[in-house]
């Protein structure tokens, strides 16, 4: 599985927020007990694809303290 470069480059939202959300998503997926990477599919690629396909929702709330 690969990341769609067209979707990634055409993303019109806040790229910092997207990157931060991607890091949080990767952290969550990596910490799931029993998560087994599928053959030739890495966690980062899976997380980016989930976000680009809008299967993972993220929202920036101004002024909220970092966890």
PDB file of N, CA and C in Angstrom:
ATOM      1  N   UNK A   1       0.843  -1.174   0.000  1.00  0.00           N
ATOM      2  CA  UNK A   1       0.000   0.000   0.000  1.00  0.00           C
ATOM      3  C   UNK A   1       0.889   1.238   0.000  1.00  0.00           C
ATOM      4  N   UNK A   2       0.483   2.232  -0.735  1.00  0.00           N
ATOM      5  CA  UNK A   2       1.235   3.467  -0.827  1.00  0.00           C
ATOM      6  C   UNK A   2       0.344   4.643  -0.486  1.00  0.00           C
ATOM      7  N   UNK A   3       0.968   5.754  -0.168  1.00  0.00           N
ATOM      8  CA  UNK A   3       0.239   6.984   0.100  1.00  0.00           C
ATOM      9  C   UNK A   3       0.001   7.677  -1.234  1.00  0.00           C
ATOM     10  N   UNK A   4      -1.215   8.129  -1.455  1.00  0.00           N
ATOM     11  CA  UNK A   4      -1.537   8.851  -2.676  1.00  0.00           C
ATOM     12  C   UNK A   4      -0.899  10.236  -2.614  1.00  0.00           C
ATOM     13  N   UNK A   5       0.123  10.445  -3.420  1.00  0.00           N
ATOM     14  CA  UNK A   5       0.828  11.719  -3.426  1.00  0.00           C
ATOM     15  C   UNK A   5      -0.075  12.851  -3.883  1.00  0.00           C
ATOM     16  N   UNK A   6      -0.981  12.563  -4.805  1.00  0.00           N
ATOM     17  CA  UNK A   6      -1.921  13.590  -5.276  1.00  0.00           C
ATOM     18  C   UNK A   6      -2.788  14.097  -4.124  1.00  0.00           C
ATOM     19  N   UNK A   7      -3.318  13.170  -3.326  1.00  0.00           N
ATOM     20  CA  UNK A   7      -4.157  13.567  -2.191  1.00  0.00           C
ATOM     21  C   UNK A   7      -3.351  14.329  -1.152  1.00  0.00           C
ATOM     22  N   UNK A   8      -2.125  13.859  -0.914  1.00  0.00           N
ATOM     23  CA  UNK A   8      -1.285  14.494   0.094  1.00  0.00           C
ATOM     24  C   UNK A   8      -0.910  15.917  -0.320  1.00  0.00           C
ATOM     25  N   UNK A   9      -0.545  16.106  -1.574  1.00  0.00           N
ATOM     26  CA  UNK A   9      -0.149  17.433  -2.055  1.00  0.00           C
ATOM     27  C   UNK A   9      -1.327  18.372  -2.227  1.00  0.00           C
ATOM     28  N   UNK A  10      -2.506  17.813  -2.476  1.00  0.00           N
ATOM     29  CA  UNK A  10      -3.674  18.675  -2.687  1.00  0.00           C
ATOM     30  C   UNK A  10      -4.423  18.986  -1.387  1.00  0.00           C
ATOM     31  N   UNK A  11      -3.913  18.500  -0.253  1.00  0.00           N
ATOM     32  CA  UNK A  11      -4.549  18.785   1.036  1.00  0.00           C
ATOM     33  C   UNK A  11      -4.535  20.288   1.262  1.00  0.00           C
ATOM     34  N   UNK A  12      -5.714  20.888   1.482  1.00  0.00           N
ATOM     35  CA  UNK A  12      -5.837  22.339   1.601  1.00  0.00           C
ATOM     36  C   UNK A  12      -5.908  22.843   3.032  1.00  0.00           C
ATOM     37  N   UNK A  13      -5.960  21.948   3.987  1.00  0.00           N
ATOM     38  CA  UNK A  13      -6.084  22.369   5.380  1.00  0.00           C
ATOM     39  C   UNK A  13      -4.751  22.805   5.969  1.00  0.00           C
ATOM     40  N   UNK A  14      -4.749  23.048   7.261  1.00  0.00           N
ATOM     41  CA  UNK A  14      -3.553  23.440   7.990  1.00  0.00           C
ATOM     42  C   UNK A  14      -2.610  22.248   8.055  1.00  0.00           C
ATOM     43  N   UNK A  15      -1.465  22.367   7.421  1.00  0.00           N
ATOM     44  CA  UNK A  15      -0.527  21.253   7.326  1.00  0.00           C
ATOM     45  C   UNK A  15       0.116  20.914   8.671  1.00  0.00           C
ATOM     46  N   UNK A  16       0.286  21.928   9.529  1.00  0.00           N
ATOM     47  CA  UNK A  16       0.833  21.660  10.864  1.00  0.00           C
ATOM     48  C   UNK A  16      -0.152  20.811  11.666  1.00  0.00           C
ATOM     49  N   UNK A  17      -1.419  21.176  11.636  1.00  0.00           N
ATOM     50  CA  UNK A  17      -2.447  20.436  12.374  1.00  0.00           C
ATOM     51  C   UNK A  17      -2.548  19.016  11.820  1.00  0.00           C
ATOM     52  N   UNK A  18      -2.499  18.878  10.489  1.00  0.00           N
ATOM     53  CA  UNK A  18      -2.545  17.557   9.858  1.00  0.00           C
ATOM     54  C   UNK A  18      -1.361  16.703  10.328  1.00  0.00           C
ATOM     55  N   UNK A  19      -0.156  17.292  10.337  1.00  0.00           N
ATOM     56  CA  UNK A  19       1.047  16.561  10.756  1.00  0.00           C
ATOM     57  C   UNK A  19       0.951  16.137  12.219  1.00  0.00           C
ATOM     58  N   UNK A  20       0.481  17.050  13.062  1.00  0.00           N
ATOM     59  CA  UNK A  20       0.334  16.749  14.489  1.00  0.00           C
ATOM     60  C   UNK A  20      -0.693  15.630  14.702  1.00  0.00           C
ATOM     61  N   UNK A  21      -1.800  15.703  13.976  1.00  0.00           N
ATOM     62  CA  UNK A  21      -2.825  14.663  14.067  1.00  0.00           C
ATOM     63  C   UNK A  21      -2.291  13.330  13.551  1.00  0.00           C
ATOM     64  N   UNK A  22      -1.479  13.369  12.502  1.00  0.00           N
ATOM     65  CA  UNK A  22      -0.884  12.143  11.965  1.00  0.00           C
ATOM     66  C   UNK A  22       0.023  11.494  13.003  1.00  0.00           C
ATOM     67  N   UNK A  23       0.827  12.296  13.690  1.00  0.00           N
ATOM     68  CA  UNK A  23       1.712  11.753  14.730  1.00  0.00           C
ATOM     69  C   UNK A  23       0.910  11.118  15.860  1.00  0.00           C
ATOM     70  N   UNK A  24      -0.183  11.764  16.263  1.00  0.00           N
ATOM     71  CA  UNK A  24      -1.040  11.209  17.322  1.00  0.00           C
ATOM     72  C   UNK A  24      -1.687   9.895  16.860  1.00  0.00           C
ATOM     73  N   UNK A  25      -2.135   9.860  15.606  1.00  0.00           N
ATOM     74  CA  UNK A  25      -2.759   8.652  15.056  1.00  0.00           C
ATOM     75  C   UNK A  25      -1.760   7.511  15.002  1.00  0.00           C
ATOM     76  N   UNK A  26      -0.551   7.795  14.559  1.00  0.00           N
ATOM     77  CA  UNK A  26       0.499   6.776  14.495  1.00  0.00           C
ATOM     78  C   UNK A  26       0.789   6.234  15.885  1.00  0.00           C
ATOM     79  N   UNK A  27       0.864   7.119  16.857  1.00  0.00           N
ATOM     80  CA  UNK A  27       1.108   6.705  18.238  1.00  0.00           C
ATOM     81  C   UNK A  27      -0.008   5.786  18.739  1.00  0.00           C
ATOM     82  N   UNK A  28      -1.254   6.135  18.441  1.00  0.00           N
ATOM     83  CA  UNK A  28      -2.397   5.328  18.887  1.00  0.00           C
ATOM     84  C   UNK A  28      -2.381   3.946  18.231  1.00  0.00           C
ATOM     85  N   UNK A  29      -2.141   3.896  16.917  1.00  0.00           N
ATOM     86  CA  UNK A  29      -2.124   2.617  16.200  1.00  0.00           C
ATOM     87  C   UNK A  29      -0.991   1.741  16.714  1.00  0.00           C
ATOM     88  N   UNK A  30       0.176   2.341  16.917  1.00  0.00           N
ATOM     89  CA  UNK A  30       1.350   1.567  17.343  1.00  0.00           C
ATOM     90  C   UNK A  30       1.176   0.982  18.733  1.00  0.00           C
ATOM     91  N   UNK A  31       0.349   1.607  19.568  1.00  0.00           N
ATOM     92  CA  UNK A  31       0.179   1.151  20.945  1.00  0.00           C
ATOM     93  C   UNK A  31      -1.007   0.206  21.144  1.00  0.00           C
ATOM     94  N   UNK A  32      -1.681  -0.168  20.079  1.00  0.00           N
ATOM     95  CA  UNK A  32      -2.801  -1.100  20.183  1.00  0.00           C
ATOM     96  C   UNK A  32      -2.241  -2.501  20.414  1.00  0.00           C
ATOM     97  N   UNK A  33      -2.689  -3.123  21.502  1.00  0.00           N
ATOM     98  CA  UNK A  33      -2.219  -4.483  21.788  1.00  0.00           C
ATOM     99  C   UNK A  33      -2.662  -5.421  20.677  1.00  0.00           C
ATOM    100  N   UNK A  34      -1.764  -6.253  20.254  1.00  0.00           N
ATOM    101  CA  UNK A  34      -2.092  -7.227  19.232  1.00  0.00           C
ATOM    102  C   UNK A  34      -2.088  -6.672  17.821  1.00  0.00           C
ATOM    103  N   UNK A  35      -1.751  -5.389  17.663  1.00  0.00           N
ATOM    104  CA  UNK A  35      -1.697  -4.836  16.301  1.00  0.00           C
ATOM    105  C   UNK A  35      -0.559  -5.501  15.565  1.00  0.00           C
ATOM    106  N   UNK A  36      -0.875  -6.002  14.422  1.00  0.00           N
ATOM    107  CA  UNK A  36       0.118  -6.694  13.632  1.00  0.00           C
ATOM    108  C   UNK A  36       0.212  -5.980  12.294  1.00  0.00           C
ATOM    109  N   UNK A  37       1.402  -5.521  11.967  1.00  0.00           N
ATOM    110  CA  UNK A  37       1.568  -4.850  10.683  1.00  0.00           C
ATOM    111  C   UNK A  37       1.297  -5.855   9.571  1.00  0.00           C
ATOM    112  N   UNK A  38       0.463  -5.439   8.649  1.00  0.00           N
ATOM    113  CA  UNK A  38       0.202  -6.285   7.505  1.00  0.00           C
ATOM    114  C   UNK A  38       1.441  -6.292   6.628  1.00  0.00           C
ATOM    115  N   UNK A  39       1.561  -7.301   5.828  1.00  0.00           N
ATOM    116  CA  UNK A  39       2.740  -7.420   4.981  1.00  0.00           C
ATOM    117  C   UNK A  39       2.889  -6.189   4.089  1.00  0.00           C
ATOM    118  N   UNK A  40       4.061  -5.614   4.094  1.00  0.00           N
ATOM    119  CA  UNK A  40       4.409  -4.436   3.282  1.00  0.00           C
ATOM    120  C   UNK A  40       3.570  -3.209   3.604  1.00  0.00           C
ATOM    121  N   UNK A  41       2.980  -3.156   4.770  1.00  0.00           N
ATOM    122  CA  UNK A  41       2.179  -1.984   5.144  1.00  0.00           C
ATOM    123  C   UNK A  41       2.656  -1.476   6.498  1.00  0.00           C
ATOM    124  N   UNK A  42       3.278  -0.333   6.491  1.00  0.00           N
ATOM    125  CA  UNK A  42       3.834   0.241   7.707  1.00  0.00           C
ATOM    126  C   UNK A  42       2.794   1.121   8.393  1.00  0.00           C
ATOM    127  N   UNK A  43       3.021   1.380   9.659  1.00  0.00           N
ATOM    128  CA  UNK A  43       2.082   2.150  10.465  1.00  0.00           C
ATOM    129  C   UNK A  43       1.896   3.564   9.920  1.00  0.00           C
ATOM    130  N   UNK A  44       2.980   4.219   9.533  1.00  0.00           N
ATOM    131  CA  UNK A  44       2.890   5.602   9.050  1.00  0.00           C
ATOM    132  C   UNK A  44       2.043   5.680   7.784  1.00  0.00           C
ATOM    133  N   UNK A  45       2.266   4.769   6.866  1.00  0.00           N
ATOM    134  CA  UNK A  45       1.500   4.758   5.614  1.00  0.00           C
ATOM    135  C   UNK A  45       0.028   4.503   5.896  1.00  0.00           C
ATOM    136  N   UNK A  46      -0.242   3.554   6.789  1.00  0.00           N
ATOM    137  CA  UNK A  46      -1.634   3.249   7.144  1.00  0.00           C
ATOM    138  C   UNK A  46      -2.316   4.465   7.760  1.00  0.00           C
ATOM    139  N   UNK A  47      -1.629   5.149   8.684  1.00  0.00           N
ATOM    140  CA  UNK A  47      -2.211   6.323   9.340  1.00  0.00           C
ATOM    141  C   UNK A  47      -2.471   7.444   8.344  1.00  0.00           C
ATOM    142  N   UNK A  48      -1.516   7.728   7.474  1.00  0.00           N
ATOM    143  CA  UNK A  48      -1.708   8.786   6.474  1.00  0.00           C
ATOM    144  C   UNK A  48      -2.870   8.474   5.545  1.00  0.00           C
ATOM    145  N   UNK A  49      -2.968   7.227   5.123  1.00  0.00           N
ATOM    146  CA  UNK A  49      -4.088   6.850   4.252  1.00  0.00           C
ATOM    147  C   UNK A  49      -5.426   6.981   4.964  1.00  0.00           C
ATOM    148  N   UNK A  50      -5.487   6.583   6.222  1.00  0.00           N
ATOM    149  CA  UNK A  50      -6.729   6.731   6.989  1.00  0.00           C
ATOM    150  C   UNK A  50      -7.132   8.196   7.084  1.00  0.00           C
ATOM    151  N   UNK A  51      -6.160   9.065   7.285  1.00  0.00           N
ATOM    152  CA  UNK A  51      -6.453  10.491   7.407  1.00  0.00           C
ATOM    153  C   UNK A  51      -6.844  11.105   6.066  1.00  0.00           C
ATOM    154  N   UNK A  52      -6.149  10.739   5.007  1.00  0.00           N
ATOM    155  CA  UNK A  52      -6.457  11.287   3.688  1.00  0.00           C
ATOM    156  C   UNK A  52      -7.808  10.801   3.165  1.00  0.00           C
ATOM    157  N   UNK A  53      -8.200   9.595   3.567  1.00  0.00           N
ATOM    158  CA  UNK A  53      -9.510   9.054   3.177  1.00  0.00           C
ATOM    159  C   UNK A  53     -10.606   9.528   4.119  1.00  0.00           C
ATOM    160  N   UNK A  54     -10.235  10.372   5.079  1.00  0.00           N
ATOM    161  CA  UNK A  54     -11.145  10.956   6.066  1.00  0.00           C
ATOM    162  C   UNK A  54     -11.839   9.913   6.930  1.00  0.00           C
ATOM    163  N   UNK A  55     -11.131   8.819   7.207  1.00  0.00           N
ATOM    164  CA  UNK A  55     -11.643   7.808   8.123  1.00  0.00           C
ATOM    165  C   UNK A  55     -11.241   8.134   9.553  1.00  0.00           C
ATOM    166  N   UNK A  56     -10.249   9.011   9.707  1.00  0.00           N
ATOM    167  CA  UNK A  56      -9.846   9.528  11.006  1.00  0.00           C
ATOM    168  C   UNK A  56     -10.163  11.008  11.001  1.00  0.00           C
ATOM    169  N   UNK A  57     -10.943  11.447  11.951  1.00  0.00           N
ATOM    170  CA  UNK A  57     -11.324  12.857  12.045  1.00  0.00           C
ATOM    171  C   UNK A  57     -10.425  13.546  13.067  1.00  0.00           C
ATOM    172  N   UNK A  58     -10.011  14.756  12.758  1.00  0.00           N
ATOM    173  CA  UNK A  58      -9.209  15.532  13.686  1.00  0.00           C
ATOM    174  C   UNK A  58      -9.682  16.968  13.665  1.00  0.00           C
ATOM    175  N   UNK A  59      -9.527  17.620  14.813  1.00  0.00           N
ATOM    176  CA  UNK A  59     -10.020  18.983  14.964  1.00  0.00           C
ATOM    177  C   UNK A  59      -9.038  19.769  15.822  1.00  0.00           C
ATOM    178  N   UNK A  60      -8.731  20.973  15.401  1.00  0.00           N
ATOM    179  CA  UNK A  60      -7.851  21.856  16.167  1.00  0.00           C
ATOM    180  C   UNK A  60      -8.717  22.783  17.005  1.00  0.00           C
ATOM    181  N   UNK A  61      -8.458  22.793  18.302  1.00  0.00           N
ATOM    182  CA  UNK A  61      -9.178  23.671  19.213  1.00  0.00           C
ATOM    183  C   UNK A  61      -8.185  24.691  19.754  1.00  0.00           C
ATOM    184  N   UNK A  62      -8.325  25.937  19.345  1.00  0.00           N
ATOM    185  CA  UNK A  62      -7.397  26.999  19.743  1.00  0.00           C
ATOM    186  C   UNK A  62      -7.414  27.198  21.252  1.00  0.00           C
ATOM    187  N   UNK A  63      -6.230  27.341  21.828  1.00  0.00           N
ATOM    188  CA  UNK A  63      -6.133  27.619  23.253  1.00  0.00           C
ATOM    189  C   UNK A  63      -6.161  26.391  24.149  1.00  0.00           C
ATOM    190  N   UNK A  64      -6.387  25.225  23.577  1.00  0.00           N
ATOM    191  CA  UNK A  64      -6.420  24.016  24.400  1.00  0.00           C
ATOM    192  C   UNK A  64      -4.998  23.592  24.709  1.00  0.00           C
ATOM    193  N   UNK A  65      -4.726  23.243  25.956  1.00  0.00           N
ATOM    194  CA  UNK A  65      -3.389  22.836  26.380  1.00  0.00           C
ATOM    195  C   UNK A  65      -3.034  21.500  25.738  1.00  0.00           C
ATOM    196  N   UNK A  66      -1.768  21.354  25.417  1.00  0.00           N
ATOM    197  CA  UNK A  66      -1.244  20.124  24.824  1.00  0.00           C
ATOM    198  C   UNK A  66      -1.263  18.997  25.849  1.00  0.00           C
ATOM    199  N   UNK A  67      -1.667  17.808  25.420  1.00  0.00           N
ATOM    200  CA  UNK A  67      -1.697  16.651  26.324  1.00  0.00           C
ATOM    201  C   UNK A  67      -0.329  16.039  26.460  1.00  0.00           C
TER     202      UNK A  67
END
